[in-house]
Amino acid sequence: KILIEHSNCDYFEVVPTDQDFVDLIPKLIYALDEPLAGPG
């Protein structure tokens, strides 16, 4: 948000939840093809 104050940008955010994690991880691993990187 500090950056937005100094730039010509509009800010949008998402707040993931624990239920999102449960719902999406199988889809996410399938999308990746391989289990790469960390939980980020």
PDB file of all heavy atoms in Angstrom:
ATOM      1  N   LYS A   1       0.824  -1.214   0.000  1.00  0.00           N
ATOM      2  CA  LYS A   1       0.000   0.000   0.000  1.00  0.00           C
ATOM      3  C   LYS A   1       0.857   1.262   0.000  1.00  0.00           C
ATOM      4  O   LYS A   1       0.438   2.295  -0.535  1.00  0.00           O
ATOM      5  CB  LYS A   1      -0.949  -0.022   1.195  1.00  0.00           C
ATOM      6  CG  LYS A   1      -2.030  -1.098   1.053  1.00  0.00           C
ATOM      7  CD  LYS A   1      -2.888  -1.229   2.299  1.00  0.00           C
ATOM      8  CE  LYS A   1      -3.935  -2.323   2.121  1.00  0.00           C
ATOM      9  NZ  LYS A   1      -4.732  -2.541   3.346  1.00  0.00           N
ATOM     10  N   ILE A   2       2.046   1.195   0.603  1.00  0.00           N
ATOM     11  CA  ILE A   2       2.976   2.320   0.508  1.00  0.00           C
ATOM     12  C   ILE A   2       3.331   2.582  -0.950  1.00  0.00           C
ATOM     13  O   ILE A   2       3.391   3.737  -1.403  1.00  0.00           O
ATOM     14  CB  ILE A   2       4.248   2.048   1.333  1.00  0.00           C
ATOM     15  CG1 ILE A   2       3.949   2.132   2.820  1.00  0.00           C
ATOM     16  CG2 ILE A   2       5.375   3.012   0.955  1.00  0.00           C
ATOM     17  CD1 ILE A   2       5.098   1.694   3.713  1.00  0.00           C
ATOM     18  N   LEU A   3       3.539   1.492  -1.700  1.00  0.00           N
ATOM     19  CA  LEU A   3       3.869   1.649  -3.115  1.00  0.00           C
ATOM     20  C   LEU A   3       2.734   2.336  -3.868  1.00  0.00           C
ATOM     21  O   LEU A   3       2.976   3.194  -4.727  1.00  0.00           O
ATOM     22  CB  LEU A   3       4.160   0.279  -3.741  1.00  0.00           C
ATOM     23  CG  LEU A   3       4.541   0.346  -5.216  1.00  0.00           C
ATOM     24  CD1 LEU A   3       5.965   0.842  -5.384  1.00  0.00           C
ATOM     25  CD2 LEU A   3       4.379  -1.011  -5.882  1.00  0.00           C
ATOM     26  N   ILE A   4       1.507   1.960  -3.571  1.00  0.00           N
ATOM     27  CA  ILE A   4       0.351   2.542  -4.269  1.00  0.00           C
ATOM     28  C   ILE A   4       0.309   4.054  -4.081  1.00  0.00           C
ATOM     29  O   ILE A   4      -0.055   4.804  -4.994  1.00  0.00           O
ATOM     30  CB  ILE A   4      -0.961   1.900  -3.755  1.00  0.00           C
ATOM     31  CG1 ILE A   4      -0.910   0.381  -3.929  1.00  0.00           C
ATOM     32  CG2 ILE A   4      -2.167   2.487  -4.496  1.00  0.00           C
ATOM     33  CD1 ILE A   4      -0.533  -0.085  -5.306  1.00  0.00           C
ATOM     34  N   GLU A   5       0.706   4.511  -2.908  1.00  0.00           N
ATOM     35  CA  GLU A   5       0.709   5.951  -2.631  1.00  0.00           C
ATOM     36  C   GLU A   5       1.731   6.695  -3.484  1.00  0.00           C
ATOM     37  O   GLU A   5       1.634   7.905  -3.657  1.00  0.00           O
ATOM     38  CB  GLU A   5       1.016   6.189  -1.147  1.00  0.00           C
ATOM     39  CG  GLU A   5      -0.040   5.625  -0.200  1.00  0.00           C
ATOM     40  CD  GLU A   5       0.398   5.699   1.255  1.00  0.00           C
ATOM     41  OE1 GLU A   5       1.512   6.215   1.499  1.00  0.00           O
ATOM     42  OE2 GLU A   5      -0.363   5.240   2.125  1.00  0.00           O
ATOM     43  N   HIS A   6       2.713   5.961  -4.019  1.00  0.00           N
ATOM     44  CA  HIS A   6       3.788   6.590  -4.799  1.00  0.00           C
ATOM     45  C   HIS A   6       3.744   6.186  -6.275  1.00  0.00           C
ATOM     46  O   HIS A   6       4.736   6.351  -6.982  1.00  0.00           O
ATOM     47  CB  HIS A   6       5.152   6.212  -4.215  1.00  0.00           C
ATOM     48  CG  HIS A   6       5.402   6.766  -2.855  1.00  0.00           C
ATOM     49  ND1 HIS A   6       4.878   6.212  -1.717  1.00  0.00           N
ATOM     50  CD2 HIS A   6       6.120   7.862  -2.451  1.00  0.00           C
ATOM     51  CE1 HIS A   6       5.273   6.911  -0.659  1.00  0.00           C
ATOM     52  NE2 HIS A   6       6.016   7.917  -1.074  1.00  0.00           N
ATOM     53  N   SER A   7       2.628   5.654  -6.744  1.00  0.00           N
ATOM     54  CA  SER A   7       2.580   5.191  -8.138  1.00  0.00           C
ATOM     55  C   SER A   7       1.184   5.354  -8.708  1.00  0.00           C
ATOM     56  O   SER A   7       0.212   5.580  -7.971  1.00  0.00           O
ATOM     57  CB  SER A   7       3.015   3.723  -8.226  1.00  0.00           C
ATOM     58  OG  SER A   7       2.134   2.895  -7.481  1.00  0.00           O
ATOM     59  N   ASN A   8       1.085   5.179 -10.001  1.00  0.00           N
ATOM     60  CA  ASN A   8      -0.171   5.324 -10.721  1.00  0.00           C
ATOM     61  C   ASN A   8      -0.857   3.966 -10.820  1.00  0.00           C
ATOM     62  O   ASN A   8      -1.030   3.405 -11.894  1.00  0.00           O
ATOM     63  CB  ASN A   8       0.116   5.900 -12.119  1.00  0.00           C
ATOM     64  CG  ASN A   8      -1.143   6.145 -12.920  1.00  0.00           C
ATOM     65  OD1 ASN A   8      -2.176   6.522 -12.364  1.00  0.00           O
ATOM     66  ND2 ASN A   8      -1.063   5.913 -14.226  1.00  0.00           N
ATOM     67  N   CYS A   9      -1.227   3.397  -9.662  1.00  0.00           N
ATOM     68  CA  CYS A   9      -1.744   2.033  -9.620  1.00  0.00           C
ATOM     69  C   CYS A   9      -3.016   1.949  -8.778  1.00  0.00           C
ATOM     70  O   CYS A   9      -3.219   2.734  -7.848  1.00  0.00           O
ATOM     71  CB  CYS A   9      -0.702   1.079  -9.028  1.00  0.00           C
ATOM     72  SG  CYS A   9       0.828   0.952  -9.973  1.00  0.00           S
ATOM     73  N   ASP A  10      -3.848   0.965  -9.098  1.00  0.00           N
ATOM     74  CA  ASP A  10      -5.015   0.605  -8.294  1.00  0.00           C
ATOM     75  C   ASP A  10      -4.742  -0.743  -7.637  1.00  0.00           C
ATOM     76  O   ASP A  10      -4.254  -1.675  -8.286  1.00  0.00           O
ATOM     77  CB  ASP A  10      -6.277   0.520  -9.148  1.00  0.00           C
ATOM     78  CG  ASP A  10      -6.789   1.888  -9.571  1.00  0.00           C
ATOM     79  OD1 ASP A  10      -6.596   2.848  -8.797  1.00  0.00           O
ATOM     80  OD2 ASP A  10      -7.365   1.993 -10.662  1.00  0.00           O
ATOM     81  N   TYR A  11      -5.100  -0.863  -6.364  1.00  0.00           N
ATOM     82  CA  TYR A  11      -4.718  -2.005  -5.527  1.00  0.00           C
ATOM     83  C   TYR A  11      -5.870  -2.998  -5.379  1.00  0.00           C
ATOM     84  O   TYR A  11      -7.004  -2.616  -5.070  1.00  0.00           O
ATOM     85  CB  TYR A  11      -4.298  -1.482  -4.156  1.00  0.00           C
ATOM     86  CG  TYR A  11      -3.971  -2.530  -3.126  1.00  0.00           C
ATOM     87  CD1 TYR A  11      -2.731  -3.143  -3.089  1.00  0.00           C
ATOM     88  CD2 TYR A  11      -4.909  -2.879  -2.147  1.00  0.00           C
ATOM     89  CE1 TYR A  11      -2.418  -4.086  -2.116  1.00  0.00           C
ATOM     90  CE2 TYR A  11      -4.607  -3.814  -1.159  1.00  0.00           C
ATOM     91  CZ  TYR A  11      -3.369  -4.417  -1.151  1.00  0.00           C
ATOM     92  OH  TYR A  11      -3.070  -5.337  -0.195  1.00  0.00           O
ATOM     93  N   PHE A  12      -5.568  -4.281  -5.604  1.00  0.00           N
ATOM     94  CA  PHE A  12      -6.525  -5.363  -5.381  1.00  0.00           C
ATOM     95  C   PHE A  12      -5.829  -6.440  -4.552  1.00  0.00           C
ATOM     96  O   PHE A  12      -4.651  -6.726  -4.770  1.00  0.00           O
ATOM     97  CB  PHE A  12      -7.004  -5.966  -6.701  1.00  0.00           C
ATOM     98  CG  PHE A  12      -7.697  -4.992  -7.610  1.00  0.00           C
ATOM     99  CD1 PHE A  12      -6.968  -4.218  -8.513  1.00  0.00           C
ATOM    100  CD2 PHE A  12      -9.073  -4.829  -7.559  1.00  0.00           C
ATOM    101  CE1 PHE A  12      -7.599  -3.313  -9.356  1.00  0.00           C
ATOM    102  CE2 PHE A  12      -9.713  -3.930  -8.400  1.00  0.00           C
ATOM    103  CZ  PHE A  12      -8.980  -3.170  -9.297  1.00  0.00           C
ATOM    104  N   GLU A  13      -6.541  -7.035  -3.617  1.00  0.00           N
ATOM    105  CA  GLU A  13      -5.917  -8.052  -2.786  1.00  0.00           C
ATOM    106  C   GLU A  13      -6.837  -9.252  -2.585  1.00  0.00           C
ATOM    107  O   GLU A  13      -8.063  -9.157  -2.743  1.00  0.00           O
ATOM    108  CB  GLU A  13      -5.516  -7.484  -1.420  1.00  0.00           C
ATOM    109  CG  GLU A  13      -6.667  -7.207  -0.491  1.00  0.00           C
ATOM    110  CD  GLU A  13      -6.210  -6.826   0.916  1.00  0.00           C
ATOM    111  OE1 GLU A  13      -5.065  -6.367   1.079  1.00  0.00           O
ATOM    112  OE2 GLU A  13      -7.016  -6.981   1.863  1.00  0.00           O
ATOM    113  N   VAL A  14      -6.220 -10.378  -2.257  1.00  0.00           N
ATOM    114  CA  VAL A  14      -6.942 -11.602  -1.908  1.00  0.00           C
ATOM    115  C   VAL A  14      -6.397 -12.091  -0.575  1.00  0.00           C
ATOM    116  O   VAL A  14      -5.206 -11.930  -0.283  1.00  0.00           O
ATOM    117  CB  VAL A  14      -6.782 -12.678  -3.006  1.00  0.00           C
ATOM    118  CG1 VAL A  14      -5.327 -13.096  -3.168  1.00  0.00           C
ATOM    119  CG2 VAL A  14      -7.651 -13.889  -2.709  1.00  0.00           C
ATOM    120  N   VAL A  15      -7.276 -12.664   0.238  1.00  0.00           N
ATOM    121  CA  VAL A  15      -6.892 -13.167   1.554  1.00  0.00           C
ATOM    122  C   VAL A  15      -7.216 -14.660   1.605  1.00  0.00           C
ATOM    123  O   VAL A  15      -8.344 -15.055   1.916  1.00  0.00           O
ATOM    124  CB  VAL A  15      -7.631 -12.417   2.682  1.00  0.00           C
ATOM    125  CG1 VAL A  15      -7.143 -12.900   4.049  1.00  0.00           C
ATOM    126  CG2 VAL A  15      -7.441 -10.915   2.545  1.00  0.00           C
ATOM    127  N   PRO A  16      -6.247 -15.510   1.277  1.00  0.00           N
ATOM    128  CA  PRO A  16      -6.489 -16.953   1.277  1.00  0.00           C
ATOM    129  C   PRO A  16      -6.808 -17.463   2.689  1.00  0.00           C
ATOM    130  O   PRO A  16      -6.311 -16.937   3.691  1.00  0.00           O
ATOM    131  CB  PRO A  16      -5.164 -17.544   0.774  1.00  0.00           C
ATOM    132  CG  PRO A  16      -4.481 -16.416   0.065  1.00  0.00           C
ATOM    133  CD  PRO A  16      -4.882 -15.187   0.812  1.00  0.00           C
ATOM    134  N   THR A  17      -7.619 -18.509   2.747  1.00  0.00           N
ATOM    135  CA  THR A  17      -8.018 -19.099   4.024  1.00  0.00           C
ATOM    136  C   THR A  17      -7.569 -20.551   4.113  1.00  0.00           C
ATOM    137  O   THR A  17      -7.113 -21.144   3.128  1.00  0.00           O
ATOM    138  CB  THR A  17      -9.550 -19.059   4.165  1.00  0.00           C
ATOM    139  OG1 THR A  17     -10.133 -19.929   3.171  1.00  0.00           O
ATOM    140  CG2 THR A  17     -10.078 -17.642   3.978  1.00  0.00           C
ATOM    141  N   ASP A  18      -7.727 -21.123   5.311  1.00  0.00           N
ATOM    142  CA  ASP A  18      -7.383 -22.532   5.485  1.00  0.00           C
ATOM    143  C   ASP A  18      -8.258 -23.435   4.625  1.00  0.00           C
ATOM    144  O   ASP A  18      -7.807 -24.449   4.103  1.00  0.00           O
ATOM    145  CB  ASP A  18      -7.469 -22.930   6.961  1.00  0.00           C
ATOM    146  CG  ASP A  18      -8.807 -22.584   7.600  1.00  0.00           C
ATOM    147  OD1 ASP A  18      -9.647 -21.922   6.942  1.00  0.00           O
ATOM    148  OD2 ASP A  18      -9.009 -22.959   8.770  1.00  0.00           O
ATOM    149  N   GLN A  19      -9.525 -23.047   4.431  1.00  0.00           N
ATOM    150  CA  GLN A  19     -10.402 -23.851   3.579  1.00  0.00           C
ATOM    151  C   GLN A  19      -9.955 -23.780   2.119  1.00  0.00           C
ATOM    152  O   GLN A  19     -10.033 -24.779   1.389  1.00  0.00           O
ATOM    153  CB  GLN A  19     -11.848 -23.365   3.698  1.00  0.00           C
ATOM    154  CG  GLN A  19     -12.861 -24.272   2.988  1.00  0.00           C
ATOM    155  CD  GLN A  19     -12.897 -25.674   3.544  1.00  0.00           C
ATOM    156  OE1 GLN A  19     -13.083 -25.864   4.760  1.00  0.00           O
ATOM    157  NE2 GLN A  19     -12.731 -26.675   2.696  1.00  0.00           N
ATOM    158  N   ASP A  20      -9.486 -22.613   1.686  1.00  0.00           N
ATOM    159  CA  ASP A  20      -8.926 -22.496   0.327  1.00  0.00           C
ATOM    160  C   ASP A  20      -7.775 -23.482   0.152  1.00  0.00           C
ATOM    161  O   ASP A  20      -7.644 -24.125  -0.889  1.00  0.00           O
ATOM    162  CB  ASP A  20      -8.415 -21.075   0.078  1.00  0.00           C
ATOM    163  CG  ASP A  20      -9.525 -20.046  -0.032  1.00  0.00           C
ATOM    164  OD1 ASP A  20     -10.631 -20.422  -0.463  1.00  0.00           O
ATOM    165  OD2 ASP A  20      -9.285 -18.882   0.330  1.00  0.00           O
ATOM    166  N   PHE A  21      -6.931 -23.585   1.164  1.00  0.00           N
ATOM    167  CA  PHE A  21      -5.781 -24.491   1.092  1.00  0.00           C
ATOM    168  C   PHE A  21      -6.253 -25.920   0.850  1.00  0.00           C
ATOM    169  O   PHE A  21      -5.756 -26.611  -0.054  1.00  0.00           O
ATOM    170  CB  PHE A  21      -4.989 -24.401   2.401  1.00  0.00           C
ATOM    171  CG  PHE A  21      -3.728 -25.214   2.411  1.00  0.00           C
ATOM    172  CD1 PHE A  21      -2.536 -24.670   1.946  1.00  0.00           C
ATOM    173  CD2 PHE A  21      -3.720 -26.512   2.901  1.00  0.00           C
ATOM    174  CE1 PHE A  21      -1.360 -25.416   1.953  1.00  0.00           C
ATOM    175  CE2 PHE A  21      -2.557 -27.266   2.918  1.00  0.00           C
ATOM    176  CZ  PHE A  21      -1.377 -26.714   2.440  1.00  0.00           C
ATOM    177  N   VAL A  22      -7.207 -26.358   1.619  1.00  0.00           N
ATOM    178  CA  VAL A  22      -7.717 -27.729   1.486  1.00  0.00           C
ATOM    179  C   VAL A  22      -8.369 -27.945   0.121  1.00  0.00           C
ATOM    180  O   VAL A  22      -8.168 -28.982  -0.530  1.00  0.00           O
ATOM    181  CB  VAL A  22      -8.721 -28.025   2.615  1.00  0.00           C
ATOM    182  CG1 VAL A  22      -9.437 -29.352   2.374  1.00  0.00           C
ATOM    183  CG2 VAL A  22      -8.010 -28.034   3.958  1.00  0.00           C
ATOM    184  N   ASP A  23      -9.125 -26.961  -0.328  1.00  0.00           N
ATOM    185  CA  ASP A  23      -9.849 -27.103  -1.593  1.00  0.00           C
ATOM    186  C   ASP A  23      -8.932 -27.078  -2.811  1.00  0.00           C
ATOM    187  O   ASP A  23      -9.209 -27.735  -3.822  1.00  0.00           O
ATOM    188  CB  ASP A  23     -10.889 -25.989  -1.731  1.00  0.00           C
ATOM    189  CG  ASP A  23     -12.001 -26.081  -0.699  1.00  0.00           C
ATOM    190  OD1 ASP A  23     -12.189 -27.180  -0.139  1.00  0.00           O
ATOM    191  OD2 ASP A  23     -12.669 -25.062  -0.448  1.00  0.00           O
ATOM    192  N   LEU A  24      -7.841 -26.312  -2.727  1.00  0.00           N
ATOM    193  CA  LEU A  24      -7.060 -26.024  -3.931  1.00  0.00           C
ATOM    194  C   LEU A  24      -5.778 -26.825  -4.089  1.00  0.00           C
ATOM    195  O   LEU A  24      -5.276 -26.951  -5.222  1.00  0.00           O
ATOM    196  CB  LEU A  24      -6.716 -24.534  -3.969  1.00  0.00           C
ATOM    197  CG  LEU A  24      -7.890 -23.582  -4.162  1.00  0.00           C
ATOM    198  CD1 LEU A  24      -7.411 -22.138  -4.061  1.00  0.00           C
ATOM    199  CD2 LEU A  24      -8.580 -23.823  -5.497  1.00  0.00           C
ATOM    200  N   ILE A  25      -5.206 -27.347  -3.026  1.00  0.00           N
ATOM    201  CA  ILE A  25      -3.898 -27.992  -3.149  1.00  0.00           C
ATOM    202  C   ILE A  25      -3.885 -29.121  -4.174  1.00  0.00           C
ATOM    203  O   ILE A  25      -2.952 -29.205  -4.990  1.00  0.00           O
ATOM    204  CB  ILE A  25      -3.400 -28.475  -1.775  1.00  0.00           C
ATOM    205  CG1 ILE A  25      -3.028 -27.266  -0.918  1.00  0.00           C
ATOM    206  CG2 ILE A  25      -2.192 -29.383  -1.914  1.00  0.00           C
ATOM    207  CD1 ILE A  25      -2.010 -26.325  -1.550  1.00  0.00           C
ATOM    208  N   PRO A  26      -4.856 -30.017  -4.211  1.00  0.00           N
ATOM    209  CA  PRO A  26      -4.819 -31.044  -5.266  1.00  0.00           C
ATOM    210  C   PRO A  26      -4.833 -30.459  -6.672  1.00  0.00           C
ATOM    211  O   PRO A  26      -4.094 -30.917  -7.554  1.00  0.00           O
ATOM    212  CB  PRO A  26      -6.084 -31.869  -4.993  1.00  0.00           C
ATOM    213  CG  PRO A  26      -6.333 -31.687  -3.526  1.00  0.00           C
ATOM    214  CD  PRO A  26      -5.957 -30.259  -3.252  1.00  0.00           C
ATOM    215  N   LYS A  27      -5.652 -29.432  -6.892  1.00  0.00           N
ATOM    216  CA  LYS A  27      -5.687 -28.780  -8.205  1.00  0.00           C
ATOM    217  C   LYS A  27      -4.351 -28.117  -8.518  1.00  0.00           C
ATOM    218  O   LYS A  27      -3.880 -28.147  -9.662  1.00  0.00           O
ATOM    219  CB  LYS A  27      -6.800 -27.732  -8.250  1.00  0.00           C
ATOM    220  CG  LYS A  27      -8.201 -28.275  -8.079  1.00  0.00           C
ATOM    221  CD  LYS A  27      -9.219 -27.134  -8.064  1.00  0.00           C
ATOM    222  CE  LYS A  27     -10.627 -27.659  -7.816  1.00  0.00           C
ATOM    223  NZ  LYS A  27     -11.616 -26.549  -7.724  1.00  0.00           N
ATOM    224  N   LEU A  28      -3.748 -27.523  -7.504  1.00  0.00           N
ATOM    225  CA  LEU A  28      -2.491 -26.808  -7.688  1.00  0.00           C
ATOM    226  C   LEU A  28      -1.358 -27.764  -8.043  1.00  0.00           C
ATOM    227  O   LEU A  28      -0.581 -27.504  -8.966  1.00  0.00           O
ATOM    228  CB  LEU A  28      -2.158 -26.033  -6.422  1.00  0.00           C
ATOM    229  CG  LEU A  28      -0.828 -25.287  -6.373  1.00  0.00           C
ATOM    230  CD1 LEU A  28      -0.675 -24.361  -7.567  1.00  0.00           C
ATOM    231  CD2 LEU A  28      -0.712 -24.507  -5.079  1.00  0.00           C
ATOM    232  N   ILE A  29      -1.250 -28.874  -7.337  1.00  0.00           N
ATOM    233  CA  ILE A  29      -0.188 -29.845  -7.630  1.00  0.00           C
ATOM    234  C   ILE A  29      -0.370 -30.401  -9.034  1.00  0.00           C
ATOM    235  O   ILE A  29       0.610 -30.596  -9.773  1.00  0.00           O
ATOM    236  CB  ILE A  29      -0.186 -30.976  -6.592  1.00  0.00           C
ATOM    237  CG1 ILE A  29       0.106 -30.412  -5.189  1.00  0.00           C
ATOM    238  CG2 ILE A  29       0.854 -32.037  -6.952  1.00  0.00           C
ATOM    239  CD1 ILE A  29       1.420 -29.688  -5.055  1.00  0.00           C
ATOM    240  N   TYR A  30      -1.611 -30.634  -9.440  1.00  0.00           N
ATOM    241  CA  TYR A  30      -1.865 -31.108 -10.806  1.00  0.00           C
ATOM    242  C   TYR A  30      -1.433 -30.055 -11.819  1.00  0.00           C
ATOM    243  O   TYR A  30      -0.827 -30.377 -12.851  1.00  0.00           O
ATOM    244  CB  TYR A  30      -3.346 -31.432 -10.985  1.00  0.00           C
ATOM    245  CG  TYR A  30      -3.678 -31.947 -12.368  1.00  0.00           C
ATOM    246  CD1 TYR A  30      -3.339 -33.245 -12.750  1.00  0.00           C
ATOM    247  CD2 TYR A  30      -4.327 -31.138 -13.297  1.00  0.00           C
ATOM    248  CE1 TYR A  30      -3.640 -33.723 -14.012  1.00  0.00           C
ATOM    249  CE2 TYR A  30      -4.629 -31.603 -14.558  1.00  0.00           C
ATOM    250  CZ  TYR A  30      -4.288 -32.897 -14.917  1.00  0.00           C
ATOM    251  OH  TYR A  30      -4.580 -33.353 -16.187  1.00  0.00           O
ATOM    252  N   ALA A  31      -1.722 -28.802 -11.540  1.00  0.00           N
ATOM    253  CA  ALA A  31      -1.337 -27.727 -12.460  1.00  0.00           C
ATOM    254  C   ALA A  31       0.178 -27.641 -12.600  1.00  0.00           C
ATOM    255  O   ALA A  31       0.695 -27.373 -13.689  1.00  0.00           O
ATOM    256  CB  ALA A  31      -1.903 -26.394 -11.974  1.00  0.00           C
ATOM    257  N   LEU A  32       0.921 -27.891 -11.513  1.00  0.00           N
ATOM    258  CA  LEU A  32       2.374 -27.743 -11.527  1.00  0.00           C
ATOM    259  C   LEU A  32       3.080 -28.852 -12.302  1.00  0.00           C
ATOM    260  O   LEU A  32       4.226 -28.680 -12.723  1.00  0.00           O
ATOM    261  CB  LEU A  32       2.907 -27.727 -10.091  1.00  0.00           C
ATOM    262  CG  LEU A  32       2.578 -26.510  -9.226  1.00  0.00           C
ATOM    263  CD1 LEU A  32       3.099 -26.719  -7.810  1.00  0.00           C
ATOM    264  CD2 LEU A  32       3.163 -25.243  -9.826  1.00  0.00           C
ATOM    265  N   ASP A  33       2.468 -30.015 -12.443  1.00  0.00           N
ATOM    266  CA  ASP A  33       3.081 -31.203 -13.048  1.00  0.00           C
ATOM    267  C   ASP A  33       4.079 -31.887 -12.121  1.00  0.00           C
ATOM    268  O   ASP A  33       4.245 -33.099 -12.173  1.00  0.00           O
ATOM    269  CB  ASP A  33       3.811 -30.892 -14.369  1.00  0.00           C
ATOM    270  CG  ASP A  33       2.877 -30.842 -15.562  1.00  0.00           C
ATOM    271  OD1 ASP A  33       1.787 -31.434 -15.479  1.00  0.00           O
ATOM    272  OD2 ASP A  33       3.231 -30.215 -16.571  1.00  0.00           O
ATOM    273  N   GLU A  34       4.767 -31.112 -11.303  1.00  0.00           N
ATOM    274  CA  GLU A  34       5.741 -31.647 -10.359  1.00  0.00           C
ATOM    275  C   GLU A  34       5.623 -30.883  -9.043  1.00  0.00           C
ATOM    276  O   GLU A  34       5.260 -29.715  -9.047  1.00  0.00           O
ATOM    277  CB  GLU A  34       7.170 -31.501 -10.910  1.00  0.00           C
ATOM    278  CG  GLU A  34       7.429 -32.249 -12.201  1.00  0.00           C
ATOM    279  CD  GLU A  34       8.817 -31.950 -12.747  1.00  0.00           C
ATOM    280  OE1 GLU A  34       8.977 -30.909 -13.410  1.00  0.00           O
ATOM    281  OE2 GLU A  34       9.724 -32.757 -12.504  1.00  0.00           O
ATOM    282  N   PRO A  35       5.953 -31.521  -7.907  1.00  0.00           N
ATOM    283  CA  PRO A  35       5.815 -30.847  -6.609  1.00  0.00           C
ATOM    284  C   PRO A  35       6.979 -29.918  -6.321  1.00  0.00           C
ATOM    285  O   PRO A  35       7.921 -30.258  -5.598  1.00  0.00           O
ATOM    286  CB  PRO A  35       5.787 -32.025  -5.618  1.00  0.00           C
ATOM    287  CG  PRO A  35       6.611 -33.071  -6.281  1.00  0.00           C
ATOM    288  CD  PRO A  35       6.357 -32.932  -7.765  1.00  0.00           C
ATOM    289  N   LEU A  36       6.941 -28.720  -6.892  1.00  0.00           N
ATOM    290  CA  LEU A  36       8.053 -27.780  -6.808  1.00  0.00           C
ATOM    291  C   LEU A  36       7.842 -26.738  -5.729  1.00  0.00           C
ATOM    292  O   LEU A  36       6.720 -26.487  -5.291  1.00  0.00           O
ATOM    293  CB  LEU A  36       8.230 -27.073  -8.159  1.00  0.00           C
ATOM    294  CG  LEU A  36       8.622 -27.961  -9.337  1.00  0.00           C
ATOM    295  CD1 LEU A  36       8.351 -27.230 -10.637  1.00  0.00           C
ATOM    296  CD2 LEU A  36      10.084 -28.356  -9.237  1.00  0.00           C
ATOM    297  N   ALA A  37       8.944 -26.107  -5.327  1.00  0.00           N
ATOM    298  CA  ALA A  37       8.938 -24.909  -4.488  1.00  0.00           C
ATOM    299  C   ALA A  37       8.345 -25.184  -3.113  1.00  0.00           C
ATOM    300  O   ALA A  37       8.163 -26.323  -2.698  1.00  0.00           O
ATOM    301  CB  ALA A  37       8.206 -23.775  -5.200  1.00  0.00           C
ATOM    302  N   GLY A  38       8.048 -24.098  -2.393  1.00  0.00           N
ATOM    303  CA  GLY A  38       7.512 -24.202  -1.051  1.00  0.00           C
ATOM    304  C   GLY A  38       6.042 -23.848  -1.021  1.00  0.00           C
ATOM    305  O   GLY A  38       5.405 -23.635  -2.057  1.00  0.00           O
ATOM    306  N   PRO A  39       5.453 -23.757   0.181  1.00  0.00           N
ATOM    307  CA  PRO A  39       4.010 -23.519   0.294  1.00  0.00           C
ATOM    308  C   PRO A  39       3.562 -22.163  -0.232  1.00  0.00           C
ATOM    309  O   PRO A  39       2.371 -21.947  -0.441  1.00  0.00           O
ATOM    310  CB  PRO A  39       3.753 -23.638   1.803  1.00  0.00           C
ATOM    311  CG  PRO A  39       5.085 -23.469   2.455  1.00  0.00           C
ATOM    312  CD  PRO A  39       6.092 -23.981   1.487  1.00  0.00           C
ATOM    313  N   GLY A  40       4.515 -21.248  -0.481  1.00  0.00           N
ATOM    314  CA  GLY A  40       4.145 -19.946  -1.030  1.00  0.00           C
ATOM    315  C   GLY A  40       3.480 -20.023  -2.388  1.00  0.00           C
ATOM    316  O   GLY A  40       2.837 -19.061  -2.830  1.00  0.00           O
TER     317      GLY A  40
END
